[in-house]
Amino acid sequence: MDDPNDSVVERTIATMRDAIRDGRYVQGQRLVVADVTKALGVSAGPVREAIRRLTGEGLVEITQHRGATVRTFKRKDVREIYQLREVVEGLAARLAAEHIDIGNNAAELKASVAEMRTIVRNHGRNYYQHNRDFHELIYKIADNEAMRQMARQLVLPIYKLQFHSLLSPEYYRVSASEHEAIAQAILDGDGPGAERLMRNHVRNSGAAGPTPPPANAGSIEGIG
């Protein structure tokens, strides 16, 4: 029989992880156990375990005088993450091209491209979510769980940072155009072409300047 405490821990980890990804926990923000337990309505144990796990994922750091804080990323950190993302996401696109004819993979990718075109016509509304879903779909089609977990771990720390800096009309139009080219290469079963286009896409995103803003003290209220 499953331990209900395990479910509480996993939900707490997921909630805190999403709060970091979405920018509700900001870089440099202290994660005081008492404050987080109050905000999430859970006991201290799951929060401590979540902090431990998120520290292992590189999203939280523990220092002697401040305790647990949301990790602050320097320019060098962001550059190195993008270098790794280029390799991992390029691999994902190549594997997706190799698996595109399996099941509903092609239909799902075509539907994603159609949704993207609608979003662009609506001036980029919801592009933030679509971008996330598009890359997640490629990980799914690639069908390599180790690669999928690695890609997610690389994206999570800088996701909100990236879109805070880059989500402008010009950026989402260029990004959408690159997505469409990647999708077409995958649909064509062109693994090397899909990998090249995806690596170029990630490289362009990194070069466009997602630089860390100054850390500030955010509120833990209302993150659930």
N, C-alpha and C. Protein backbone atom coordinates (compact mmCIF):
# COMPACT_ATOMS: atom_id res chain seq x y z
N MET A 1 0.84 -1.20 0.00
CA MET A 1 0.00 0.00 0.00
C MET A 1 0.87 1.24 0.00
N ASP A 2 0.51 2.22 -0.82
CA ASP A 2 1.30 3.43 -0.92
C ASP A 2 1.21 4.24 0.36
N ASP A 3 2.32 4.86 0.73
CA ASP A 3 2.37 5.75 1.89
C ASP A 3 1.81 7.10 1.48
N PRO A 4 0.72 7.60 2.12
CA PRO A 4 0.17 8.90 1.73
C PRO A 4 1.15 10.04 1.91
N ASN A 5 2.12 9.86 2.82
CA ASN A 5 3.12 10.92 3.02
C ASN A 5 3.97 11.11 1.77
N ASP A 6 4.18 10.00 1.01
CA ASP A 6 4.95 10.11 -0.22
C ASP A 6 4.26 11.03 -1.22
N SER A 7 2.92 10.94 -1.28
CA SER A 7 2.15 11.79 -2.19
C SER A 7 2.26 13.25 -1.79
N VAL A 8 2.22 13.52 -0.50
CA VAL A 8 2.36 14.90 -0.02
C VAL A 8 3.73 15.45 -0.38
N VAL A 9 4.76 14.64 -0.19
CA VAL A 9 6.11 15.07 -0.53
C VAL A 9 6.23 15.38 -2.01
N GLU A 10 5.73 14.48 -2.86
CA GLU A 10 5.84 14.69 -4.31
C GLU A 10 5.06 15.92 -4.76
N ARG A 11 3.86 16.13 -4.18
CA ARG A 11 3.09 17.32 -4.53
C ARG A 11 3.81 18.59 -4.09
N THR A 12 4.43 18.54 -2.92
CA THR A 12 5.16 19.71 -2.42
C THR A 12 6.34 20.03 -3.31
N ILE A 13 7.08 18.99 -3.71
CA ILE A 13 8.21 19.18 -4.61
C ILE A 13 7.74 19.77 -5.93
N ALA A 14 6.67 19.22 -6.51
CA ALA A 14 6.17 19.70 -7.79
C ALA A 14 5.70 21.15 -7.70
N THR A 15 5.03 21.49 -6.60
CA THR A 15 4.53 22.86 -6.43
C THR A 15 5.68 23.85 -6.32
N MET A 16 6.69 23.51 -5.54
CA MET A 16 7.83 24.41 -5.37
C MET A 16 8.65 24.50 -6.66
N ARG A 17 8.78 23.37 -7.35
CA ARG A 17 9.51 23.36 -8.63
C ARG A 17 8.81 24.28 -9.64
N ASP A 18 7.48 24.16 -9.73
CA ASP A 18 6.73 25.01 -10.65
C ASP A 18 6.82 26.48 -10.26
N ALA A 19 6.83 26.76 -8.96
CA ALA A 19 6.93 28.14 -8.51
C ALA A 19 8.27 28.77 -8.91
N ILE A 20 9.33 27.96 -8.88
CA ILE A 20 10.64 28.45 -9.34
C ILE A 20 10.63 28.65 -10.84
N ARG A 21 10.10 27.66 -11.57
CA ARG A 21 10.07 27.74 -13.02
C ARG A 21 9.26 28.95 -13.50
N ASP A 22 8.14 29.21 -12.85
CA ASP A 22 7.24 30.28 -13.29
C ASP A 22 7.59 31.65 -12.72
N GLY A 23 8.62 31.70 -11.87
CA GLY A 23 9.06 32.99 -11.35
C GLY A 23 8.31 33.47 -10.13
N ARG A 24 7.46 32.60 -9.54
CA ARG A 24 6.78 33.00 -8.30
C ARG A 24 7.75 32.93 -7.12
N TYR A 25 8.73 32.06 -7.20
CA TYR A 25 9.91 32.12 -6.34
C TYR A 25 11.01 32.73 -7.19
N VAL A 26 11.58 33.83 -6.77
CA VAL A 26 12.57 34.52 -7.59
C VAL A 26 13.99 34.15 -7.16
N GLN A 27 14.93 34.40 -8.05
CA GLN A 27 16.33 34.10 -7.75
C GLN A 27 16.79 34.86 -6.50
N GLY A 28 17.44 34.11 -5.61
CA GLY A 28 17.95 34.71 -4.39
C GLY A 28 16.95 34.74 -3.25
N GLN A 29 15.71 34.34 -3.50
CA GLN A 29 14.68 34.37 -2.46
C GLN A 29 14.93 33.29 -1.42
N ARG A 30 14.83 33.65 -0.15
CA ARG A 30 14.98 32.68 0.93
C ARG A 30 13.75 31.79 1.01
N LEU A 31 13.98 30.50 1.24
CA LEU A 31 12.91 29.54 1.40
C LEU A 31 12.87 29.13 2.87
N VAL A 32 12.16 29.90 3.65
CA VAL A 32 12.04 29.64 5.09
C VAL A 32 10.99 28.55 5.29
N VAL A 33 11.37 27.47 5.94
CA VAL A 33 10.48 26.32 6.06
C VAL A 33 9.13 26.71 6.65
N ALA A 34 9.13 27.52 7.70
CA ALA A 34 7.86 27.90 8.35
C ALA A 34 6.96 28.66 7.39
N ASP A 35 7.55 29.53 6.57
CA ASP A 35 6.75 30.32 5.62
C ASP A 35 6.17 29.43 4.52
N VAL A 36 6.98 28.50 4.03
CA VAL A 36 6.53 27.63 2.95
C VAL A 36 5.45 26.68 3.44
N THR A 37 5.62 26.13 4.64
CA THR A 37 4.58 25.24 5.18
C THR A 37 3.25 25.96 5.31
N LYS A 38 3.30 27.21 5.74
CA LYS A 38 2.06 27.99 5.88
C LYS A 38 1.43 28.25 4.52
N ALA A 39 2.25 28.60 3.52
CA ALA A 39 1.74 28.91 2.18
C ALA A 39 1.14 27.69 1.51
N LEU A 40 1.74 26.52 1.73
CA LEU A 40 1.30 25.30 1.05
C LEU A 40 0.34 24.45 1.87
N GLY A 41 0.22 24.76 3.15
CA GLY A 41 -0.68 23.99 3.98
C GLY A 41 -0.21 22.58 4.23
N VAL A 42 1.11 22.40 4.34
CA VAL A 42 1.68 21.08 4.63
C VAL A 42 2.57 21.19 5.85
N SER A 43 3.03 20.04 6.35
CA SER A 43 3.91 20.05 7.51
C SER A 43 5.35 20.34 7.08
N ALA A 44 6.22 20.48 8.04
CA ALA A 44 7.60 20.86 7.75
C ALA A 44 8.38 19.75 7.05
N GLY A 45 8.04 18.49 7.34
CA GLY A 45 8.79 17.38 6.76
C GLY A 45 8.81 17.39 5.24
N PRO A 46 7.65 17.46 4.56
CA PRO A 46 7.66 17.50 3.10
C PRO A 46 8.40 18.71 2.54
N VAL A 47 8.33 19.84 3.22
CA VAL A 47 9.03 21.03 2.74
C VAL A 47 10.54 20.83 2.82
N ARG A 48 11.00 20.27 3.93
CA ARG A 48 12.45 20.01 4.06
C ARG A 48 12.92 19.03 2.99
N GLU A 49 12.11 17.99 2.73
CA GLU A 49 12.47 17.02 1.70
C GLU A 49 12.47 17.68 0.32
N ALA A 50 11.50 18.56 0.07
CA ALA A 50 11.45 19.27 -1.21
C ALA A 50 12.68 20.13 -1.40
N ILE A 51 13.07 20.83 -0.35
CA ILE A 51 14.28 21.67 -0.43
C ILE A 51 15.50 20.81 -0.72
N ARG A 52 15.58 19.65 -0.06
CA ARG A 52 16.71 18.74 -0.29
C ARG A 52 16.74 18.28 -1.75
N ARG A 53 15.58 17.87 -2.27
CA ARG A 53 15.51 17.37 -3.64
C ARG A 53 15.80 18.48 -4.64
N LEU A 54 15.26 19.65 -4.43
CA LEU A 54 15.45 20.76 -5.36
C LEU A 54 16.89 21.27 -5.31
N THR A 55 17.54 21.11 -4.17
CA THR A 55 18.98 21.42 -4.10
C THR A 55 19.75 20.46 -4.99
N GLY A 56 19.38 19.18 -4.96
CA GLY A 56 20.02 18.19 -5.82
C GLY A 56 19.79 18.47 -7.28
N GLU A 57 18.65 19.08 -7.62
CA GLU A 57 18.35 19.41 -9.01
C GLU A 57 19.02 20.71 -9.46
N GLY A 58 19.67 21.40 -8.53
CA GLY A 58 20.35 22.65 -8.90
C GLY A 58 19.45 23.86 -8.91
N LEU A 59 18.23 23.74 -8.36
CA LEU A 59 17.30 24.88 -8.35
C LEU A 59 17.39 25.68 -7.06
N VAL A 60 17.86 25.04 -6.00
CA VAL A 60 17.98 25.68 -4.68
C VAL A 60 19.41 25.52 -4.21
N GLU A 61 19.90 26.50 -3.48
CA GLU A 61 21.24 26.39 -2.90
C GLU A 61 21.16 26.71 -1.42
N ILE A 62 22.04 26.10 -0.64
CA ILE A 62 22.06 26.30 0.80
C ILE A 62 23.40 26.93 1.18
N THR A 63 23.33 28.05 1.83
CA THR A 63 24.54 28.75 2.27
C THR A 63 24.52 28.89 3.79
N GLN A 64 25.69 29.14 4.34
CA GLN A 64 25.84 29.12 5.80
C GLN A 64 25.00 30.18 6.50
N HIS A 65 24.94 31.37 5.95
CA HIS A 65 24.30 32.47 6.67
C HIS A 65 22.86 32.73 6.23
N ARG A 66 22.46 32.22 5.08
CA ARG A 66 21.12 32.50 4.59
C ARG A 66 20.22 31.28 4.57
N GLY A 67 20.78 30.09 4.70
CA GLY A 67 19.97 28.89 4.62
C GLY A 67 19.62 28.58 3.18
N ALA A 68 18.42 28.07 2.94
CA ALA A 68 17.99 27.69 1.59
C ALA A 68 17.48 28.90 0.83
N THR A 69 17.97 29.08 -0.40
CA THR A 69 17.50 30.15 -1.27
C THR A 69 17.35 29.60 -2.69
N VAL A 70 16.49 30.25 -3.48
CA VAL A 70 16.40 29.92 -4.89
C VAL A 70 17.73 30.28 -5.54
N ARG A 71 18.28 29.36 -6.28
CA ARG A 71 19.61 29.57 -6.85
C ARG A 71 19.65 30.79 -7.77
N THR A 72 20.70 31.57 -7.64
CA THR A 72 20.93 32.71 -8.50
C THR A 72 21.90 32.31 -9.61
N PHE A 73 21.53 32.59 -10.85
CA PHE A 73 22.34 32.20 -11.99
C PHE A 73 23.11 33.39 -12.55
N LYS A 74 24.42 33.22 -12.64
CA LYS A 74 25.27 34.25 -13.24
C LYS A 74 25.30 34.04 -14.75
N ARG A 75 25.84 35.02 -15.46
CA ARG A 75 25.92 34.93 -16.91
C ARG A 75 26.65 33.66 -17.35
N LYS A 76 27.72 33.33 -16.66
CA LYS A 76 28.50 32.13 -17.01
C LYS A 76 27.63 30.87 -16.84
N ASP A 77 26.83 30.84 -15.76
CA ASP A 77 25.95 29.69 -15.53
C ASP A 77 24.96 29.53 -16.69
N VAL A 78 24.36 30.65 -17.10
CA VAL A 78 23.36 30.60 -18.18
C VAL A 78 24.01 30.15 -19.48
N ARG A 79 25.20 30.68 -19.77
CA ARG A 79 25.90 30.29 -21.00
C ARG A 79 26.20 28.80 -21.01
N GLU A 80 26.65 28.26 -19.90
CA GLU A 80 26.98 26.84 -19.84
C GLU A 80 25.73 25.97 -19.97
N ILE A 81 24.62 26.42 -19.39
CA ILE A 81 23.37 25.67 -19.53
C ILE A 81 22.93 25.62 -20.98
N TYR A 82 23.04 26.74 -21.69
CA TYR A 82 22.65 26.75 -23.10
C TYR A 82 23.56 25.86 -23.94
N GLN A 83 24.83 25.79 -23.60
CA GLN A 83 25.73 24.90 -24.34
C GLN A 83 25.30 23.45 -24.19
N LEU A 84 24.90 23.06 -22.98
CA LEU A 84 24.43 21.69 -22.77
C LEU A 84 23.08 21.46 -23.42
N ARG A 85 22.19 22.45 -23.32
CA ARG A 85 20.87 22.32 -23.94
C ARG A 85 20.98 22.10 -25.44
N GLU A 86 21.92 22.78 -26.06
CA GLU A 86 22.08 22.65 -27.50
C GLU A 86 22.33 21.19 -27.89
N VAL A 87 23.16 20.51 -27.12
CA VAL A 87 23.49 19.12 -27.42
C VAL A 87 22.30 18.21 -27.12
N VAL A 88 21.71 18.36 -25.93
CA VAL A 88 20.63 17.46 -25.50
C VAL A 88 19.38 17.64 -26.36
N GLU A 89 19.00 18.88 -26.62
CA GLU A 89 17.78 19.11 -27.40
C GLU A 89 18.00 18.79 -28.88
N GLY A 90 19.23 18.93 -29.34
CA GLY A 90 19.52 18.47 -30.70
C GLY A 90 19.33 16.97 -30.82
N LEU A 91 19.79 16.24 -29.81
CA LEU A 91 19.59 14.79 -29.78
C LEU A 91 18.10 14.46 -29.75
N ALA A 92 17.35 15.19 -28.95
CA ALA A 92 15.91 14.94 -28.86
C ALA A 92 15.24 15.09 -30.22
N ALA A 93 15.60 16.13 -30.95
CA ALA A 93 15.00 16.35 -32.27
C ALA A 93 15.36 15.23 -33.24
N ARG A 94 16.61 14.78 -33.18
CA ARG A 94 17.03 13.69 -34.07
C ARG A 94 16.28 12.40 -33.75
N LEU A 95 16.15 12.09 -32.47
CA LEU A 95 15.42 10.89 -32.07
C LEU A 95 13.94 11.00 -32.43
N ALA A 96 13.39 12.22 -32.29
CA ALA A 96 11.98 12.42 -32.65
C ALA A 96 11.76 12.12 -34.13
N ALA A 97 12.70 12.54 -34.98
CA ALA A 97 12.57 12.26 -36.42
C ALA A 97 12.60 10.76 -36.69
N GLU A 98 13.37 10.04 -35.89
CA GLU A 98 13.46 8.59 -36.06
C GLU A 98 12.21 7.86 -35.59
N HIS A 99 11.41 8.51 -34.73
CA HIS A 99 10.22 7.89 -34.16
C HIS A 99 8.92 8.52 -34.66
N ILE A 100 8.99 9.42 -35.62
CA ILE A 100 7.82 10.20 -36.00
C ILE A 100 6.70 9.36 -36.58
N ASP A 101 7.00 8.23 -37.18
CA ASP A 101 5.97 7.40 -37.81
C ASP A 101 5.31 6.42 -36.85
N ILE A 102 5.66 6.49 -35.58
CA ILE A 102 5.09 5.58 -34.59
C ILE A 102 3.81 6.20 -33.99
N GLY A 103 2.75 5.42 -33.94
CA GLY A 103 1.52 5.85 -33.29
C GLY A 103 0.98 7.16 -33.81
N ASN A 104 0.61 8.06 -32.88
CA ASN A 104 0.04 9.36 -33.23
C ASN A 104 1.06 10.48 -33.23
N ASN A 105 2.35 10.14 -33.26
CA ASN A 105 3.39 11.16 -33.15
C ASN A 105 3.26 12.25 -34.21
N ALA A 106 3.09 11.86 -35.47
CA ALA A 106 3.02 12.85 -36.54
C ALA A 106 1.80 13.75 -36.37
N ALA A 107 0.66 13.16 -36.02
CA ALA A 107 -0.57 13.94 -35.85
C ALA A 107 -0.43 14.94 -34.71
N GLU A 108 0.20 14.52 -33.61
CA GLU A 108 0.38 15.42 -32.47
C GLU A 108 1.30 16.58 -32.83
N LEU A 109 2.35 16.30 -33.58
CA LEU A 109 3.28 17.37 -33.95
C LEU A 109 2.62 18.34 -34.92
N LYS A 110 1.85 17.82 -35.88
CA LYS A 110 1.13 18.70 -36.80
C LYS A 110 0.14 19.58 -36.05
N ALA A 111 -0.53 19.02 -35.06
CA ALA A 111 -1.48 19.80 -34.26
C ALA A 111 -0.77 20.91 -33.48
N SER A 112 0.44 20.61 -33.00
CA SER A 112 1.22 21.61 -32.27
C SER A 112 1.60 22.77 -33.18
N VAL A 113 2.00 22.45 -34.41
CA VAL A 113 2.36 23.49 -35.37
C VAL A 113 1.14 24.35 -35.71
N ALA A 114 -0.03 23.71 -35.88
CA ALA A 114 -1.25 24.46 -36.17
C ALA A 114 -1.60 25.40 -35.02
N GLU A 115 -1.44 24.91 -33.79
CA GLU A 115 -1.69 25.75 -32.62
C GLU A 115 -0.74 26.93 -32.59
N MET A 116 0.52 26.68 -32.92
CA MET A 116 1.52 27.75 -32.93
C MET A 116 1.15 28.84 -33.92
N ARG A 117 0.67 28.46 -35.10
CA ARG A 117 0.29 29.46 -36.10
C ARG A 117 -0.85 30.33 -35.59
N THR A 118 -1.78 29.73 -34.87
CA THR A 118 -2.88 30.49 -34.28
C THR A 118 -2.37 31.47 -33.24
N ILE A 119 -1.44 31.02 -32.41
CA ILE A 119 -0.87 31.88 -31.37
C ILE A 119 -0.15 33.07 -31.99
N VAL A 120 0.59 32.84 -33.07
CA VAL A 120 1.29 33.94 -33.74
C VAL A 120 0.28 34.94 -34.29
N ARG A 121 -0.81 34.44 -34.88
CA ARG A 121 -1.85 35.35 -35.39
C ARG A 121 -2.49 36.16 -34.27
N ASN A 122 -2.49 35.60 -33.06
CA ASN A 122 -3.05 36.29 -31.90
C ASN A 122 -1.98 37.08 -31.14
N HIS A 123 -0.94 37.49 -31.86
CA HIS A 123 0.12 38.35 -31.31
C HIS A 123 0.88 37.71 -30.15
N GLY A 124 1.08 36.40 -30.25
CA GLY A 124 1.94 35.73 -29.29
C GLY A 124 1.30 35.39 -27.97
N ARG A 125 -0.01 35.56 -27.85
CA ARG A 125 -0.68 35.23 -26.59
C ARG A 125 -0.52 33.73 -26.31
N ASN A 126 -0.08 33.42 -25.10
CA ASN A 126 0.16 32.03 -24.65
C ASN A 126 1.38 31.38 -25.32
N TYR A 127 2.25 32.18 -25.94
CA TYR A 127 3.43 31.57 -26.56
C TYR A 127 4.34 30.94 -25.52
N TYR A 128 4.38 31.54 -24.35
CA TYR A 128 5.20 30.99 -23.25
C TYR A 128 4.84 29.52 -23.00
N GLN A 129 3.53 29.26 -22.87
CA GLN A 129 3.08 27.89 -22.61
C GLN A 129 3.30 27.01 -23.83
N HIS A 130 3.02 27.56 -25.03
CA HIS A 130 3.18 26.74 -26.23
C HIS A 130 4.63 26.31 -26.41
N ASN A 131 5.55 27.21 -26.19
CA ASN A 131 6.97 26.87 -26.35
C ASN A 131 7.33 25.69 -25.45
N ARG A 132 6.88 25.75 -24.22
CA ARG A 132 7.13 24.66 -23.28
C ARG A 132 6.52 23.36 -23.79
N ASP A 133 5.27 23.43 -24.25
CA ASP A 133 4.58 22.23 -24.72
C ASP A 133 5.24 21.65 -25.98
N PHE A 134 5.71 22.54 -26.87
CA PHE A 134 6.35 22.08 -28.10
C PHE A 134 7.60 21.26 -27.80
N HIS A 135 8.44 21.79 -26.92
CA HIS A 135 9.67 21.06 -26.57
C HIS A 135 9.33 19.77 -25.81
N GLU A 136 8.32 19.82 -24.93
CA GLU A 136 7.91 18.61 -24.22
C GLU A 136 7.42 17.54 -25.19
N LEU A 137 6.71 17.96 -26.23
CA LEU A 137 6.22 17.00 -27.22
C LEU A 137 7.38 16.33 -27.95
N ILE A 138 8.40 17.11 -28.27
CA ILE A 138 9.57 16.52 -28.92
C ILE A 138 10.26 15.52 -28.00
N TYR A 139 10.38 15.84 -26.71
CA TYR A 139 10.96 14.88 -25.77
C TYR A 139 10.14 13.59 -25.77
N LYS A 140 8.81 13.74 -25.77
CA LYS A 140 7.92 12.58 -25.73
C LYS A 140 8.09 11.71 -26.97
N ILE A 141 8.11 12.35 -28.13
CA ILE A 141 8.26 11.60 -29.38
C ILE A 141 9.62 10.92 -29.45
N ALA A 142 10.65 11.57 -28.91
CA ALA A 142 12.00 11.01 -28.92
C ALA A 142 12.08 9.69 -28.17
N ASP A 143 11.23 9.54 -27.13
CA ASP A 143 11.10 8.28 -26.41
C ASP A 143 12.41 7.82 -25.77
N ASN A 144 13.05 8.77 -25.07
CA ASN A 144 14.26 8.45 -24.32
C ASN A 144 14.13 9.15 -22.97
N GLU A 145 13.73 8.41 -21.95
CA GLU A 145 13.39 9.02 -20.67
C GLU A 145 14.59 9.69 -20.00
N ALA A 146 15.76 9.11 -20.11
CA ALA A 146 16.95 9.72 -19.51
C ALA A 146 17.23 11.08 -20.14
N MET A 147 17.11 11.14 -21.48
CA MET A 147 17.31 12.40 -22.18
C MET A 147 16.25 13.41 -21.79
N ARG A 148 15.00 12.94 -21.66
CA ARG A 148 13.89 13.82 -21.30
C ARG A 148 14.11 14.47 -19.94
N GLN A 149 14.54 13.67 -18.96
CA GLN A 149 14.78 14.19 -17.62
C GLN A 149 15.94 15.19 -17.62
N MET A 150 16.97 14.88 -18.39
CA MET A 150 18.11 15.80 -18.47
C MET A 150 17.70 17.12 -19.11
N ALA A 151 16.92 17.06 -20.19
CA ALA A 151 16.47 18.27 -20.87
C ALA A 151 15.63 19.13 -19.93
N ARG A 152 14.73 18.50 -19.20
CA ARG A 152 13.89 19.25 -18.25
C ARG A 152 14.72 19.91 -17.18
N GLN A 153 15.72 19.19 -16.68
CA GLN A 153 16.55 19.75 -15.62
C GLN A 153 17.35 20.95 -16.12
N LEU A 154 17.74 20.94 -17.39
CA LEU A 154 18.48 22.07 -17.94
C LEU A 154 17.57 23.27 -18.20
N VAL A 155 16.33 23.01 -18.59
CA VAL A 155 15.41 24.09 -18.93
C VAL A 155 14.86 24.78 -17.68
N LEU A 156 14.54 24.00 -16.66
CA LEU A 156 13.83 24.53 -15.50
C LEU A 156 14.45 25.78 -14.87
N PRO A 157 15.75 25.79 -14.57
CA PRO A 157 16.29 26.93 -13.84
C PRO A 157 16.19 28.26 -14.58
N ILE A 158 16.17 28.23 -15.92
CA ILE A 158 16.25 29.48 -16.68
C ILE A 158 14.98 29.75 -17.48
N TYR A 159 13.91 28.97 -17.24
CA TYR A 159 12.74 29.10 -18.11
C TYR A 159 12.09 30.47 -17.99
N LYS A 160 11.76 30.87 -16.79
CA LYS A 160 11.12 32.18 -16.61
C LYS A 160 12.09 33.28 -16.96
N LEU A 161 13.37 33.09 -16.63
CA LEU A 161 14.40 34.06 -16.97
C LEU A 161 14.45 34.29 -18.48
N GLN A 162 14.41 33.19 -19.23
CA GLN A 162 14.47 33.29 -20.68
C GLN A 162 13.30 34.11 -21.22
N PHE A 163 12.09 33.79 -20.76
CA PHE A 163 10.95 34.44 -21.36
C PHE A 163 10.70 35.84 -20.80
N HIS A 164 11.17 36.11 -19.59
CA HIS A 164 11.13 37.48 -19.08
C HIS A 164 11.94 38.39 -19.99
N SER A 165 13.06 37.90 -20.49
CA SER A 165 13.96 38.70 -21.31
C SER A 165 13.57 38.71 -22.78
N LEU A 166 12.99 37.62 -23.27
CA LEU A 166 12.91 37.44 -24.72
C LEU A 166 11.51 37.52 -25.32
N LEU A 167 10.47 37.49 -24.50
CA LEU A 167 9.14 37.36 -25.08
C LEU A 167 8.65 38.70 -25.63
N SER A 168 9.13 39.01 -26.82
CA SER A 168 8.73 40.21 -27.55
C SER A 168 8.14 39.74 -28.88
N PRO A 169 7.38 40.61 -29.58
CA PRO A 169 6.80 40.20 -30.86
C PRO A 169 7.84 39.66 -31.84
N GLU A 170 8.99 40.31 -31.93
CA GLU A 170 10.02 39.86 -32.86
C GLU A 170 10.56 38.49 -32.44
N TYR A 171 10.76 38.30 -31.12
CA TYR A 171 11.31 37.03 -30.66
C TYR A 171 10.35 35.89 -30.95
N TYR A 172 9.07 36.04 -30.60
CA TYR A 172 8.20 34.88 -30.79
C TYR A 172 7.95 34.59 -32.26
N ARG A 173 8.03 35.60 -33.14
CA ARG A 173 7.88 35.32 -34.57
C ARG A 173 9.07 34.52 -35.09
N VAL A 174 10.28 34.92 -34.68
CA VAL A 174 11.48 34.19 -35.10
C VAL A 174 11.48 32.79 -34.50
N SER A 175 11.15 32.70 -33.23
CA SER A 175 11.12 31.41 -32.55
C SER A 175 10.10 30.48 -33.20
N ALA A 176 8.92 31.01 -33.51
CA ALA A 176 7.88 30.19 -34.14
C ALA A 176 8.32 29.70 -35.51
N SER A 177 9.01 30.55 -36.26
CA SER A 177 9.51 30.15 -37.56
C SER A 177 10.53 29.02 -37.42
N GLU A 178 11.39 29.11 -36.42
CA GLU A 178 12.37 28.06 -36.18
C GLU A 178 11.68 26.77 -35.74
N HIS A 179 10.66 26.90 -34.89
CA HIS A 179 9.89 25.72 -34.48
C HIS A 179 9.29 25.01 -35.69
N GLU A 180 8.74 25.79 -36.61
CA GLU A 180 8.09 25.20 -37.77
C GLU A 180 9.10 24.44 -38.63
N ALA A 181 10.29 25.01 -38.79
CA ALA A 181 11.33 24.33 -39.58
C ALA A 181 11.77 23.04 -38.90
N ILE A 182 11.92 23.08 -37.58
CA ILE A 182 12.29 21.88 -36.83
C ILE A 182 11.22 20.81 -36.98
N ALA A 183 9.95 21.22 -36.82
CA ALA A 183 8.84 20.27 -36.93
C ALA A 183 8.80 19.64 -38.32
N GLN A 184 9.05 20.43 -39.37
CA GLN A 184 9.00 19.89 -40.72
C GLN A 184 10.11 18.86 -40.94
N ALA A 185 11.29 19.15 -40.42
CA ALA A 185 12.39 18.19 -40.55
C ALA A 185 12.05 16.89 -39.82
N ILE A 186 11.44 17.01 -38.65
CA ILE A 186 11.05 15.81 -37.90
C ILE A 186 9.99 15.03 -38.68
N LEU A 187 9.00 15.73 -39.21
CA LEU A 187 7.94 15.08 -39.98
C LEU A 187 8.48 14.41 -41.24
N ASP A 188 9.54 14.98 -41.79
CA ASP A 188 10.18 14.39 -42.98
C ASP A 188 11.08 13.21 -42.63
N GLY A 189 11.26 12.96 -41.33
CA GLY A 189 12.15 11.88 -40.91
C GLY A 189 13.62 12.22 -41.10
N ASP A 190 13.93 13.51 -41.18
CA ASP A 190 15.29 13.98 -41.41
C ASP A 190 15.98 14.23 -40.06
N GLY A 191 16.53 13.17 -39.48
CA GLY A 191 17.16 13.28 -38.18
C GLY A 191 18.31 14.28 -38.11
N PRO A 192 19.30 14.18 -39.02
CA PRO A 192 20.40 15.14 -38.97
C PRO A 192 19.94 16.59 -39.17
N GLY A 193 18.97 16.79 -40.07
CA GLY A 193 18.46 18.14 -40.30
C GLY A 193 17.73 18.67 -39.09
N ALA A 194 16.91 17.82 -38.44
CA ALA A 194 16.19 18.24 -37.24
C ALA A 194 17.16 18.59 -36.12
N GLU A 195 18.20 17.79 -35.97
CA GLU A 195 19.20 18.07 -34.93
C GLU A 195 19.90 19.39 -35.20
N ARG A 196 20.30 19.62 -36.44
CA ARG A 196 20.99 20.87 -36.79
C ARG A 196 20.10 22.08 -36.52
N LEU A 197 18.83 21.99 -36.94
CA LEU A 197 17.91 23.12 -36.76
C LEU A 197 17.62 23.37 -35.28
N MET A 198 17.47 22.30 -34.50
CA MET A 198 17.22 22.49 -33.07
C MET A 198 18.43 23.08 -32.36
N ARG A 199 19.61 22.62 -32.71
CA ARG A 199 20.80 23.19 -32.08
C ARG A 199 20.92 24.67 -32.41
N ASN A 200 20.62 25.01 -33.64
CA ASN A 200 20.66 26.41 -34.04
C ASN A 200 19.62 27.23 -33.28
N HIS A 201 18.43 26.66 -33.09
CA HIS A 201 17.35 27.32 -32.36
C HIS A 201 17.77 27.62 -30.92
N VAL A 202 18.32 26.62 -30.24
CA VAL A 202 18.75 26.81 -28.86
C VAL A 202 19.89 27.82 -28.79
N ARG A 203 20.81 27.73 -29.75
CA ARG A 203 21.93 28.67 -29.79
C ARG A 203 21.43 30.11 -29.97
N ASN A 204 20.47 30.28 -30.85
CA ASN A 204 19.91 31.61 -31.07
C ASN A 204 19.22 32.15 -29.83
N SER A 205 18.51 31.28 -29.11
CA SER A 205 17.85 31.70 -27.88
C SER A 205 18.87 32.16 -26.85
N GLY A 206 19.97 31.42 -26.73
CA GLY A 206 21.01 31.81 -25.80
C GLY A 206 21.69 33.10 -26.20
N ALA A 207 21.92 33.28 -27.48
CA ALA A 207 22.61 34.49 -27.96
C ALA A 207 21.74 35.73 -27.88
N ALA A 208 20.41 35.53 -27.81
CA ALA A 208 19.51 36.68 -27.80
C ALA A 208 19.53 37.44 -26.48
N GLY A 209 20.16 36.84 -25.46
CA GLY A 209 20.40 37.63 -24.26
C GLY A 209 19.54 37.37 -23.06
N PRO A 210 19.24 36.10 -22.67
CA PRO A 210 18.49 35.87 -21.44
C PRO A 210 19.39 36.02 -20.23
N THR A 211 19.65 37.25 -19.82
CA THR A 211 20.60 37.50 -18.74
C THR A 211 19.88 37.62 -17.41
N PRO A 212 20.50 37.18 -16.33
CA PRO A 212 19.85 37.19 -15.02
C PRO A 212 19.54 38.60 -14.54
N PRO A 213 18.30 38.85 -14.08
CA PRO A 213 17.99 40.12 -13.47
C PRO A 213 18.53 40.16 -12.06
N PRO A 214 18.61 41.33 -11.42
CA PRO A 214 19.04 41.38 -10.04
C PRO A 214 18.10 40.58 -9.16
N ALA A 215 18.67 39.82 -8.23
CA ALA A 215 17.83 39.05 -7.32
C ALA A 215 17.08 40.01 -6.41
N ASN A 216 15.83 39.64 -6.06
CA ASN A 216 15.08 40.45 -5.13
C ASN A 216 14.29 39.54 -4.23
N ALA A 217 13.82 40.08 -3.14
CA ALA A 217 13.13 39.28 -2.14
C ALA A 217 11.67 39.15 -2.53
N GLY A 218 11.30 38.01 -3.08
CA GLY A 218 9.92 37.77 -3.47
C GLY A 218 9.11 37.28 -2.29
N SER A 219 7.81 37.22 -2.47
CA SER A 219 6.91 36.74 -1.42
C SER A 219 6.59 35.28 -1.64
N ILE A 220 6.44 34.54 -0.56
CA ILE A 220 6.06 33.15 -0.67
C ILE A 220 4.55 33.01 -0.65
N GLU A 221 3.84 34.08 -0.38
CA GLU A 221 2.38 33.99 -0.31
C GLU A 221 1.80 33.63 -1.68
N GLY A 222 0.78 32.80 -1.68
CA GLY A 222 0.02 32.56 -2.90
C GLY A 222 0.70 31.73 -3.97
N ILE A 223 1.60 30.84 -3.58
CA ILE A 223 2.29 30.07 -4.62
C ILE A 223 1.56 28.79 -4.95
N GLY A 224 0.60 28.39 -4.18
CA GLY A 224 -0.05 27.11 -4.39
C GLY A 224 -0.94 27.11 -5.61
